[in-house]
Amino acid sequence: MQFTYHENCGDETINISDDIYRYIIKARRHKIDDEIYFRNLKDDFIYKYILQSISKRDALLTLESKEEKLVKAKHSLHIGWSVIDPKTVEKYISSLNEIGVDKITFIYSSFSQKNFKPNFEKLRKILINSSQQCGRSSMMKLEICESLELFLKAYPQSKILDFSENKLESTTSVDTILIGTEGGFSHEERALFKEENILGLNSNLILRSETAAISVASKILL
């Protein structure tokens, strides 16, 4: 772990219990006067706390110092991701977080199953654990959009990953990119796309939606 997440870090004192307590006290075996680093994933500071007291169920720490330390990808990437099975998203979102994706908007496109609903609370827990491992200083932002048309109105300069001779390269300038379901996009949705915004991958293979998302993020950010 690069740090431990605590939503109240920055306060003069914090109390840890439950999972954080078990990790720091039981698993890491920290003792009184140990230095422990925390982030709140809301600002760019990393906070150093001193362990003051330990009871059977919780522990008290006091703030020693803080340092502004921004850890993020070299480029800000926003992915518009057509809604797929939430279990698949939950399996792969930590990889996108570690690559450095700044934001994901889940979109109900024509071929999305409307009964699929992202569990934002569960995704947030996955992102916290992932951020603790990879060290990024801010939480990936998540939102939902009811249709591809509304998404393109909100983000009109979006690039679209689809079949195209215009290939996505590592040097291609992309801030927002749209990825469809495994069924791709409907004819009605494709009619919304501007030709110059459509990008393809240099592959003849058909990728699953999650593979496309990771491939695109890696190509742009790494």
C-alpha atoms as a PDB file:
ATOM      1  CA  MET A   1       0.000   0.000   0.000  1.00  0.00           C
ATOM      2  CA  GLN A   2       1.290   3.480  -0.952  1.00  0.00           C
ATOM      3  CA  PHE A   3      -0.995   5.060   1.658  1.00  0.00           C
ATOM      4  CA  THR A   4      -4.152   4.319   3.632  1.00  0.00           C
ATOM      5  CA  TYR A   5      -7.448   5.988   2.753  1.00  0.00           C
ATOM      6  CA  HIS A   6      -9.372   7.847   5.440  1.00  0.00           C
ATOM      7  CA  GLU A   7     -12.112  10.315   4.530  1.00  0.00           C
ATOM      8  CA  ASN A   8     -11.308  12.585   7.499  1.00  0.00           C
ATOM      9  CA  CYS A   9      -7.554  12.758   7.136  1.00  0.00           C
ATOM     10  CA  GLY A  10      -6.481  16.370   7.385  1.00  0.00           C
ATOM     11  CA  ASP A  11      -8.167  16.659  10.787  1.00  0.00           C
ATOM     12  CA  GLU A  12      -5.866  17.073  13.787  1.00  0.00           C
ATOM     13  CA  THR A  13      -6.885  13.625  15.026  1.00  0.00           C
ATOM     14  CA  ILE A  14      -8.463  10.638  13.322  1.00  0.00           C
ATOM     15  CA  ASN A  15      -9.874   7.435  14.725  1.00  0.00           C
ATOM     16  CA  ILE A  16      -9.521   4.161  12.846  1.00  0.00           C
ATOM     17  CA  SER A  17     -11.711   1.089  13.262  1.00  0.00           C
ATOM     18  CA  ASP A  18     -13.115  -1.910  11.377  1.00  0.00           C
ATOM     19  CA  ASP A  19     -11.209  -2.746   8.160  1.00  0.00           C
ATOM     20  CA  ILE A  20      -8.639   0.040   8.490  1.00  0.00           C
ATOM     21  CA  TYR A  21      -7.942  -0.970  12.082  1.00  0.00           C
ATOM     22  CA  ARG A  22      -7.523  -4.615  11.119  1.00  0.00           C
ATOM     23  CA  TYR A  23      -5.163  -3.721   8.297  1.00  0.00           C
ATOM     24  CA  ILE A  24      -2.965  -1.269  10.220  1.00  0.00           C
ATOM     25  CA  ILE A  25      -2.940  -2.906  13.649  1.00  0.00           C
ATOM     26  CA  LYS A  26      -3.518  -6.604  12.966  1.00  0.00           C
ATOM     27  CA  ALA A  27      -1.989  -7.098   9.526  1.00  0.00           C
ATOM     28  CA  ARG A  28       0.757  -4.436   9.487  1.00  0.00           C
ATOM     29  CA  ARG A  29       1.320  -4.679  13.256  1.00  0.00           C
ATOM     30  CA  HIS A  30       1.898  -0.960  13.752  1.00  0.00           C
ATOM     31  CA  LYS A  31       2.776   0.164  17.278  1.00  0.00           C
ATOM     32  CA  ILE A  32       2.490   3.322  19.355  1.00  0.00           C
ATOM     33  CA  ASP A  33       4.539   6.236  17.885  1.00  0.00           C
ATOM     34  CA  ASP A  34       4.669   4.683  14.390  1.00  0.00           C
ATOM     35  CA  GLU A  35       4.323   7.058  11.436  1.00  0.00           C
ATOM     36  CA  ILE A  36       1.458   6.178   9.036  1.00  0.00           C
ATOM     37  CA  TYR A  37       0.591   7.957   5.791  1.00  0.00           C
ATOM     38  CA  PHE A  38      -2.995   8.709   4.729  1.00  0.00           C
ATOM     39  CA  ARG A  39      -4.863  10.338   1.851  1.00  0.00           C
ATOM     40  CA  ASN A  40      -8.498  11.445   1.591  1.00  0.00           C
ATOM     41  CA  LEU A  41      -8.539  11.284  -2.266  1.00  0.00           C
ATOM     42  CA  LYS A  42     -10.191  14.712  -2.310  1.00  0.00           C
ATOM     43  CA  ASP A  43      -7.117  16.963  -2.196  1.00  0.00           C
ATOM     44  CA  ASP A  44      -3.523  16.472  -3.330  1.00  0.00           C
ATOM     45  CA  PHE A  45      -1.987  16.188   0.131  1.00  0.00           C
ATOM     46  CA  ILE A  46      -0.490  13.134   1.744  1.00  0.00           C
ATOM     47  CA  TYR A  47      -0.823  13.265   5.536  1.00  0.00           C
ATOM     48  CA  LYS A  48       1.587  11.814   8.077  1.00  0.00           C
ATOM     49  CA  TYR A  49      -0.025  10.711  11.337  1.00  0.00           C
ATOM     50  CA  ILE A  50       1.484   9.372  14.551  1.00  0.00           C
ATOM     51  CA  LEU A  51      -0.208   6.419  16.223  1.00  0.00           C
ATOM     52  CA  GLN A  52      -1.068   7.591  19.739  1.00  0.00           C
ATOM     53  CA  SER A  53      -3.193   4.875  21.323  1.00  0.00           C
ATOM     54  CA  ILE A  54      -4.584   1.432  20.533  1.00  0.00           C
ATOM     55  CA  SER A  55      -7.608  -0.282  22.073  1.00  0.00           C
ATOM     56  CA  LYS A  56      -9.170  -3.621  21.220  1.00  0.00           C
ATOM     57  CA  ARG A  57     -11.409  -2.162  18.513  1.00  0.00           C
ATOM     58  CA  ASP A  58      -9.985   1.176  17.423  1.00  0.00           C
ATOM     59  CA  ALA A  59      -6.928   3.409  17.475  1.00  0.00           C
ATOM     60  CA  LEU A  60      -6.243   7.138  17.699  1.00  0.00           C
ATOM     61  CA  LEU A  61      -3.762   9.030  15.517  1.00  0.00           C
ATOM     62  CA  THR A  62      -2.623  12.666  15.539  1.00  0.00           C
ATOM     63  CA  LEU A  63      -1.534  14.727  12.556  1.00  0.00           C
ATOM     64  CA  GLU A  64       2.220  15.258  12.331  1.00  0.00           C
ATOM     65  CA  SER A  65       2.592  16.907   8.922  1.00  0.00           C
ATOM     66  CA  LYS A  66       1.200  17.136   5.412  1.00  0.00           C
ATOM     67  CA  GLU A  67       2.807  17.424   1.989  1.00  0.00           C
ATOM     68  CA  GLU A  68       1.243  18.346  -1.323  1.00  0.00           C
ATOM     69  CA  LYS A  69       2.061  15.431  -3.620  1.00  0.00           C
ATOM     70  CA  LEU A  70       0.105  15.141  -6.849  1.00  0.00           C
ATOM     71  CA  VAL A  71       0.166  11.680  -8.405  1.00  0.00           C
ATOM     72  CA  LYS A  72      -1.797  11.408 -11.637  1.00  0.00           C
ATOM     73  CA  ALA A  73      -1.491  10.431 -15.287  1.00  0.00           C
ATOM     74  CA  LYS A  74       0.344  12.775 -17.666  1.00  0.00           C
ATOM     75  CA  HIS A  75      -2.918  13.392 -19.532  1.00  0.00           C
ATOM     76  CA  SER A  76      -6.551  13.651 -18.405  1.00  0.00           C
ATOM     77  CA  LEU A  77      -8.678  10.989 -20.126  1.00  0.00           C
ATOM     78  CA  HIS A  78     -12.454  10.712 -19.911  1.00  0.00           C
ATOM     79  CA  ILE A  79     -14.047   7.470 -21.157  1.00  0.00           C
ATOM     80  CA  GLY A  80     -17.681   7.271 -22.178  1.00  0.00           C
ATOM     81  CA  TRP A  81     -18.436   3.577 -21.664  1.00  0.00           C
ATOM     82  CA  SER A  82     -21.685   2.056 -22.892  1.00  0.00           C
ATOM     83  CA  VAL A  83     -23.279   0.123 -20.040  1.00  0.00           C
ATOM     84  CA  ILE A  84     -22.290  -3.566 -19.909  1.00  0.00           C
ATOM     85  CA  ASP A  85     -22.626  -6.232 -17.213  1.00  0.00           C
ATOM     86  CA  PRO A  86     -21.717  -4.528 -13.894  1.00  0.00           C
ATOM     87  CA  LYS A  87     -19.713  -7.598 -12.826  1.00  0.00           C
ATOM     88  CA  THR A  88     -17.429  -7.063 -15.813  1.00  0.00           C
ATOM     89  CA  VAL A  89     -16.985  -3.396 -14.937  1.00  0.00           C
ATOM     90  CA  GLU A  90     -16.200  -4.292 -11.330  1.00  0.00           C
ATOM     91  CA  LYS A  91     -13.538  -6.743 -12.522  1.00  0.00           C
ATOM     92  CA  TYR A  92     -11.699  -4.307 -14.800  1.00  0.00           C
ATOM     93  CA  ILE A  93     -12.239  -0.825 -13.384  1.00  0.00           C
ATOM     94  CA  SER A  94      -9.240  -1.092 -11.060  1.00  0.00           C
ATOM     95  CA  SER A  95      -6.994  -1.558 -14.113  1.00  0.00           C
ATOM     96  CA  LEU A  96      -8.411   1.599 -15.687  1.00  0.00           C
ATOM     97  CA  ASN A  97      -7.853   3.408 -12.397  1.00  0.00           C
ATOM     98  CA  GLU A  98      -4.223   2.268 -12.237  1.00  0.00           C
ATOM     99  CA  ILE A  99      -3.614   3.296 -15.857  1.00  0.00           C
ATOM    100  CA  GLY A 100      -4.774   6.765 -14.829  1.00  0.00           C
ATOM    101  CA  VAL A 101      -8.228   7.306 -16.370  1.00  0.00           C
ATOM    102  CA  ASP A 102      -9.641  10.481 -14.825  1.00  0.00           C
ATOM    103  CA  LYS A 103     -13.360   9.904 -15.384  1.00  0.00           C
ATOM    104  CA  ILE A 104     -15.839   7.314 -16.658  1.00  0.00           C
ATOM    105  CA  THR A 105     -19.360   8.119 -17.812  1.00  0.00           C
ATOM    106  CA  PHE A 106     -21.575   5.045 -18.122  1.00  0.00           C
ATOM    107  CA  ILE A 107     -24.013   5.449 -21.018  1.00  0.00           C
ATOM    108  CA  TYR A 108     -27.179   3.571 -21.874  1.00  0.00           C
ATOM    109  CA  SER A 109     -26.667   3.011 -25.599  1.00  0.00           C
ATOM    110  CA  SER A 110     -28.973   1.080 -27.932  1.00  0.00           C
ATOM    111  CA  PHE A 111     -27.364  -2.296 -27.251  1.00  0.00           C
ATOM    112  CA  SER A 112     -27.004  -1.857 -23.486  1.00  0.00           C
ATOM    113  CA  GLN A 113     -29.266  -4.001 -21.345  1.00  0.00           C
ATOM    114  CA  LYS A 114     -31.398  -1.495 -19.480  1.00  0.00           C
ATOM    115  CA  ASN A 115     -31.634  -3.701 -16.384  1.00  0.00           C
ATOM    116  CA  PHE A 116     -27.868  -3.331 -15.878  1.00  0.00           C
ATOM    117  CA  LYS A 117     -27.124  -0.623 -13.314  1.00  0.00           C
ATOM    118  CA  PRO A 118     -23.606   0.270 -12.128  1.00  0.00           C
ATOM    119  CA  ASN A 119     -23.254  -0.053  -8.366  1.00  0.00           C
ATOM    120  CA  PHE A 120     -21.435   3.192  -7.594  1.00  0.00           C
ATOM    121  CA  GLU A 121     -20.947   2.358  -3.908  1.00  0.00           C
ATOM    122  CA  LYS A 122     -19.202  -0.902  -4.761  1.00  0.00           C
ATOM    123  CA  LEU A 123     -17.170   0.735  -7.529  1.00  0.00           C
ATOM    124  CA  ARG A 124     -16.036   3.424  -5.095  1.00  0.00           C
ATOM    125  CA  LYS A 125     -14.699   0.794  -2.694  1.00  0.00           C
ATOM    126  CA  ILE A 126     -12.838  -0.902  -5.542  1.00  0.00           C
ATOM    127  CA  LEU A 127     -11.345   2.439  -6.606  1.00  0.00           C
ATOM    128  CA  ILE A 128     -10.224   3.254  -3.059  1.00  0.00           C
ATOM    129  CA  ASN A 129      -8.399  -0.079  -2.775  1.00  0.00           C
ATOM    130  CA  SER A 130      -6.884   0.373  -6.222  1.00  0.00           C
ATOM    131  CA  SER A 131      -5.727   3.921  -5.459  1.00  0.00           C
ATOM    132  CA  GLN A 132      -4.078   2.779  -2.233  1.00  0.00           C
ATOM    133  CA  GLN A 133      -2.110   0.235  -4.268  1.00  0.00           C
ATOM    134  CA  CYS A 134      -1.104   2.415  -7.217  1.00  0.00           C
ATOM    135  CA  GLY A 135      -0.666   5.663  -5.287  1.00  0.00           C
ATOM    136  CA  ARG A 136      -2.875   8.009  -7.307  1.00  0.00           C
ATOM    137  CA  SER A 137      -3.871  11.060  -5.314  1.00  0.00           C
ATOM    138  CA  SER A 138      -7.450  11.592  -6.503  1.00  0.00           C
ATOM    139  CA  MET A 139     -10.514   9.427  -6.919  1.00  0.00           C
ATOM    140  CA  MET A 140     -11.645   8.529 -10.429  1.00  0.00           C
ATOM    141  CA  LYS A 141     -14.884  10.382 -11.159  1.00  0.00           C
ATOM    142  CA  LEU A 142     -17.981   8.382 -12.122  1.00  0.00           C
ATOM    143  CA  GLU A 143     -21.278   9.473 -13.641  1.00  0.00           C
ATOM    144  CA  ILE A 144     -24.150   8.020 -15.658  1.00  0.00           C
ATOM    145  CA  CYS A 145     -25.889   9.259 -18.813  1.00  0.00           C
ATOM    146  CA  GLU A 146     -29.246   8.059 -20.097  1.00  0.00           C
ATOM    147  CA  SER A 147     -28.395   8.033 -23.818  1.00  0.00           C
ATOM    148  CA  LEU A 148     -25.559   8.353 -26.270  1.00  0.00           C
ATOM    149  CA  GLU A 149     -27.257  11.386 -27.806  1.00  0.00           C
ATOM    150  CA  LEU A 150     -27.225  13.212 -24.471  1.00  0.00           C
ATOM    151  CA  PHE A 151     -23.588  12.250 -23.944  1.00  0.00           C
ATOM    152  CA  LEU A 152     -22.547  13.696 -27.308  1.00  0.00           C
ATOM    153  CA  LYS A 153     -24.459  16.893 -26.558  1.00  0.00           C
ATOM    154  CA  ALA A 154     -22.560  17.225 -23.278  1.00  0.00           C
ATOM    155  CA  TYR A 155     -19.210  16.263 -24.821  1.00  0.00           C
ATOM    156  CA  PRO A 156     -19.449  17.241 -28.516  1.00  0.00           C
ATOM    157  CA  GLN A 157     -15.709  16.876 -29.179  1.00  0.00           C
ATOM    158  CA  SER A 158     -15.669  13.225 -28.093  1.00  0.00           C
ATOM    159  CA  LYS A 159     -13.754  10.756 -30.176  1.00  0.00           C
ATOM    160  CA  ILE A 160     -15.537   7.474 -30.925  1.00  0.00           C
ATOM    161  CA  LEU A 161     -13.882   4.068 -31.061  1.00  0.00           C
ATOM    162  CA  ASP A 162     -15.385   2.248 -34.032  1.00  0.00           C
ATOM    163  CA  PHE A 163     -14.358   0.753 -37.360  1.00  0.00           C
ATOM    164  CA  SER A 164     -12.266   3.364 -39.160  1.00  0.00           C
ATOM    165  CA  GLU A 165      -9.180   3.730 -41.310  1.00  0.00           C
ATOM    166  CA  ASN A 166      -8.304   6.705 -39.114  1.00  0.00           C
ATOM    167  CA  LYS A 167      -6.270   4.841 -36.495  1.00  0.00           C
ATOM    168  CA  LEU A 168      -5.800   5.759 -32.864  1.00  0.00           C
ATOM    169  CA  GLU A 169      -2.098   6.350 -32.252  1.00  0.00           C
ATOM    170  CA  SER A 170      -0.228   7.089 -29.050  1.00  0.00           C
ATOM    171  CA  THR A 171       0.280  10.623 -30.387  1.00  0.00           C
ATOM    172  CA  THR A 172      -3.424  11.190 -31.149  1.00  0.00           C
ATOM    173  CA  SER A 173      -4.893  14.024 -29.070  1.00  0.00           C
ATOM    174  CA  VAL A 174      -7.863  12.594 -27.150  1.00  0.00           C
ATOM    175  CA  ASP A 175      -9.546  14.047 -24.060  1.00  0.00           C
ATOM    176  CA  THR A 176     -12.820  12.088 -24.229  1.00  0.00           C
ATOM    177  CA  ILE A 177     -13.456   8.837 -26.096  1.00  0.00           C
ATOM    178  CA  LEU A 178     -16.645   6.806 -26.479  1.00  0.00           C
ATOM    179  CA  ILE A 179     -16.620   3.000 -26.333  1.00  0.00           C
ATOM    180  CA  GLY A 180     -19.616   0.868 -27.244  1.00  0.00           C
ATOM    181  CA  THR A 181     -20.898  -2.464 -26.022  1.00  0.00           C
ATOM    182  CA  GLU A 182     -19.701  -5.698 -27.625  1.00  0.00           C
ATOM    183  CA  GLY A 183     -22.536  -5.241 -30.121  1.00  0.00           C
ATOM    184  CA  GLY A 184     -21.117  -1.882 -31.118  1.00  0.00           C
ATOM    185  CA  PHE A 185     -23.397   1.009 -32.058  1.00  0.00           C
ATOM    186  CA  SER A 186     -26.767   1.041 -33.824  1.00  0.00           C
ATOM    187  CA  HIS A 187     -27.289   2.683 -37.233  1.00  0.00           C
ATOM    188  CA  GLU A 188     -29.194   5.490 -35.511  1.00  0.00           C
ATOM    189  CA  GLU A 189     -26.300   6.112 -33.126  1.00  0.00           C
ATOM    190  CA  ARG A 190     -23.713   6.042 -35.902  1.00  0.00           C
ATOM    191  CA  ALA A 191     -25.698   8.771 -37.661  1.00  0.00           C
ATOM    192  CA  LEU A 192     -24.814  11.038 -34.711  1.00  0.00           C
ATOM    193  CA  PHE A 193     -21.061  10.630 -35.236  1.00  0.00           C
ATOM    194  CA  LYS A 194     -18.914  13.120 -37.087  1.00  0.00           C
ATOM    195  CA  GLU A 195     -16.610  11.216 -39.432  1.00  0.00           C
ATOM    196  CA  GLU A 196     -13.507  13.071 -38.273  1.00  0.00           C
ATOM    197  CA  ASN A 197     -14.163  11.977 -34.666  1.00  0.00           C
ATOM    198  CA  ILE A 198     -14.244   8.234 -35.411  1.00  0.00           C
ATOM    199  CA  LEU A 199     -11.052   6.342 -34.584  1.00  0.00           C
ATOM    200  CA  GLY A 200     -10.132   2.694 -35.074  1.00  0.00           C
ATOM    201  CA  LEU A 201      -7.534   0.396 -33.547  1.00  0.00           C
ATOM    202  CA  ASN A 202      -4.787  -1.140 -35.630  1.00  0.00           C
ATOM    203  CA  SER A 203      -6.186  -4.676 -35.278  1.00  0.00           C
ATOM    204  CA  ASN A 204      -8.403  -6.999 -37.278  1.00  0.00           C
ATOM    205  CA  LEU A 205      -9.617  -8.707 -34.101  1.00  0.00           C
ATOM    206  CA  ILE A 206     -12.950  -7.912 -32.481  1.00  0.00           C
ATOM    207  CA  LEU A 207     -12.405  -6.841 -28.895  1.00  0.00           C
ATOM    208  CA  ARG A 208     -14.681  -7.159 -25.931  1.00  0.00           C
ATOM    209  CA  SER A 209     -15.847  -3.830 -24.557  1.00  0.00           C
ATOM    210  CA  GLU A 210     -13.618  -4.051 -21.483  1.00  0.00           C
ATOM    211  CA  THR A 211     -10.588  -5.032 -23.592  1.00  0.00           C
ATOM    212  CA  ALA A 212     -11.219  -2.034 -25.845  1.00  0.00           C
ATOM    213  CA  ALA A 213     -11.422   0.285 -22.830  1.00  0.00           C
ATOM    214  CA  ILE A 214      -8.135  -0.936 -21.377  1.00  0.00           C
ATOM    215  CA  SER A 215      -6.420  -0.918 -24.798  1.00  0.00           C
ATOM    216  CA  VAL A 216      -7.491   2.656 -25.523  1.00  0.00           C
ATOM    217  CA  ALA A 217      -6.544   3.929 -22.064  1.00  0.00           C
ATOM    218  CA  SER A 218      -3.133   2.252 -22.272  1.00  0.00           C
ATOM    219  CA  LYS A 219      -2.418   3.657 -25.714  1.00  0.00           C
ATOM    220  CA  ILE A 220      -3.308   7.209 -24.708  1.00  0.00           C
ATOM    221  CA  LEU A 221      -1.948   7.337 -21.170  1.00  0.00           C
ATOM    222  CA  LEU A 222       1.027   4.985 -20.938  1.00  0.00           C
END
